[in-house]
Amino acid sequence: MNGFATPGSQNGAQADMIIVDTDILIDAARCIDDAVNCLQQIEDTSSLAISTVTQMELIIGCRNKKDYRFIEDLNLLNYPAI
């Protein structure tokens, strides 16, 4: 599993939107190079989105307002939620 899915892609065709998994977003927030590079490469060719489940996981994972502001500052909640 690579942490993202391409809805609507068929026969290897590139999708316009890629749904990114929570793990990739958290790793990118922690500045893990592989995750940061993955997101950058995807953003160069496609639009990113997150599922509503991922959105909720990010919010519930916040231990306090400081954590919530951190994910807001990184714009992790600004991707379209599907």
Protein backbone atom coordinates (compact mmCIF):
# COMPACT_ATOMS: atom_id res chain seq x y z
CA MET A 1 0.00 0.00 0.00
CA ASN A 2 1.44 3.35 -0.99
CA GLY A 3 -0.74 5.70 1.06
CA PHE A 4 -2.82 7.16 -1.75
CA ALA A 5 -5.50 6.11 -4.19
CA THR A 6 -6.57 7.41 -7.55
CA PRO A 7 -10.35 7.47 -7.85
CA GLY A 8 -11.63 6.95 -11.35
CA SER A 9 -8.32 5.88 -12.89
CA GLN A 10 -8.62 3.13 -15.43
CA ASN A 11 -6.03 1.22 -17.41
CA GLY A 12 -3.20 3.18 -15.81
CA ALA A 13 -4.64 6.54 -16.86
CA GLN A 14 -3.69 9.39 -14.57
CA ALA A 15 -6.49 10.73 -12.40
CA ASP A 16 -7.09 14.42 -11.83
CA MET A 17 -7.39 13.98 -8.08
CA ILE A 18 -5.46 11.77 -5.67
CA ILE A 19 -6.76 10.84 -2.23
CA VAL A 20 -3.96 10.94 0.32
CA ASP A 21 -3.96 8.69 3.39
CA THR A 22 -3.53 9.94 6.95
CA ASP A 23 -0.14 8.23 7.32
CA ILE A 24 1.36 10.20 4.44
CA LEU A 25 0.06 13.51 5.81
CA ILE A 26 1.34 12.80 9.32
CA ASP A 27 4.74 11.73 8.01
CA ALA A 28 4.93 14.88 5.86
CA ALA A 29 4.04 16.98 8.91
CA ARG A 30 6.93 15.29 10.73
CA CYS A 31 9.20 16.25 7.79
CA ILE A 32 9.91 12.68 6.74
CA ASP A 33 11.58 13.09 3.37
CA ASP A 34 9.81 10.24 1.56
CA ALA A 35 6.37 11.58 2.49
CA VAL A 36 7.25 15.19 1.69
CA ASN A 37 8.68 14.18 -1.69
CA CYS A 38 5.66 11.99 -2.39
CA LEU A 39 3.24 14.87 -1.77
CA GLN A 40 5.34 17.28 -3.82
CA GLN A 41 5.47 14.90 -6.78
CA ILE A 42 1.73 14.31 -6.66
CA GLU A 43 0.96 18.03 -6.35
CA ASP A 44 3.05 18.69 -9.45
CA THR A 45 0.71 16.61 -11.61
CA SER A 46 -2.60 16.22 -9.75
CA SER A 47 -4.89 17.71 -7.16
CA LEU A 48 -4.75 16.24 -3.69
CA ALA A 49 -7.78 15.35 -1.60
CA ILE A 50 -8.40 13.59 1.69
CA SER A 51 -11.28 11.40 2.74
CA THR A 52 -13.65 12.58 5.43
CA VAL A 53 -12.29 9.71 7.54
CA THR A 54 -8.74 11.09 7.15
CA GLN A 55 -9.98 14.57 8.03
CA MET A 56 -11.59 13.23 11.21
CA GLU A 57 -8.49 11.16 12.09
CA LEU A 58 -6.34 14.30 11.87
CA ILE A 59 -8.72 16.26 14.10
CA ILE A 60 -9.24 13.49 16.67
CA GLY A 61 -5.49 12.86 16.78
CA CYS A 62 -4.93 16.34 18.17
CA ARG A 63 -4.26 16.21 21.88
CA ASN A 64 -4.92 19.91 22.41
CA LYS A 65 -5.45 23.24 20.64
CA LYS A 66 -1.72 23.56 19.97
CA ASP A 67 -1.77 20.30 17.97
CA TYR A 68 -4.86 21.46 16.10
CA ARG A 69 -3.22 24.78 15.21
CA PHE A 70 -0.18 22.83 14.00
CA ILE A 71 -2.22 20.82 11.47
CA GLU A 72 -4.08 23.99 10.49
CA ASP A 73 -0.80 25.86 9.95
CA LEU A 74 0.39 23.04 7.69
CA ASN A 75 -2.87 23.32 5.72
CA LEU A 76 -3.54 19.61 6.22
CA LEU A 77 -7.25 20.27 6.57
CA ASN A 78 -7.42 22.50 3.49
CA TYR A 79 -7.39 19.65 0.98
CA PRO A 80 -10.85 18.90 -0.41
CA ALA A 81 -12.56 16.22 1.68
CA ILE A 82 -14.32 13.47 -0.22
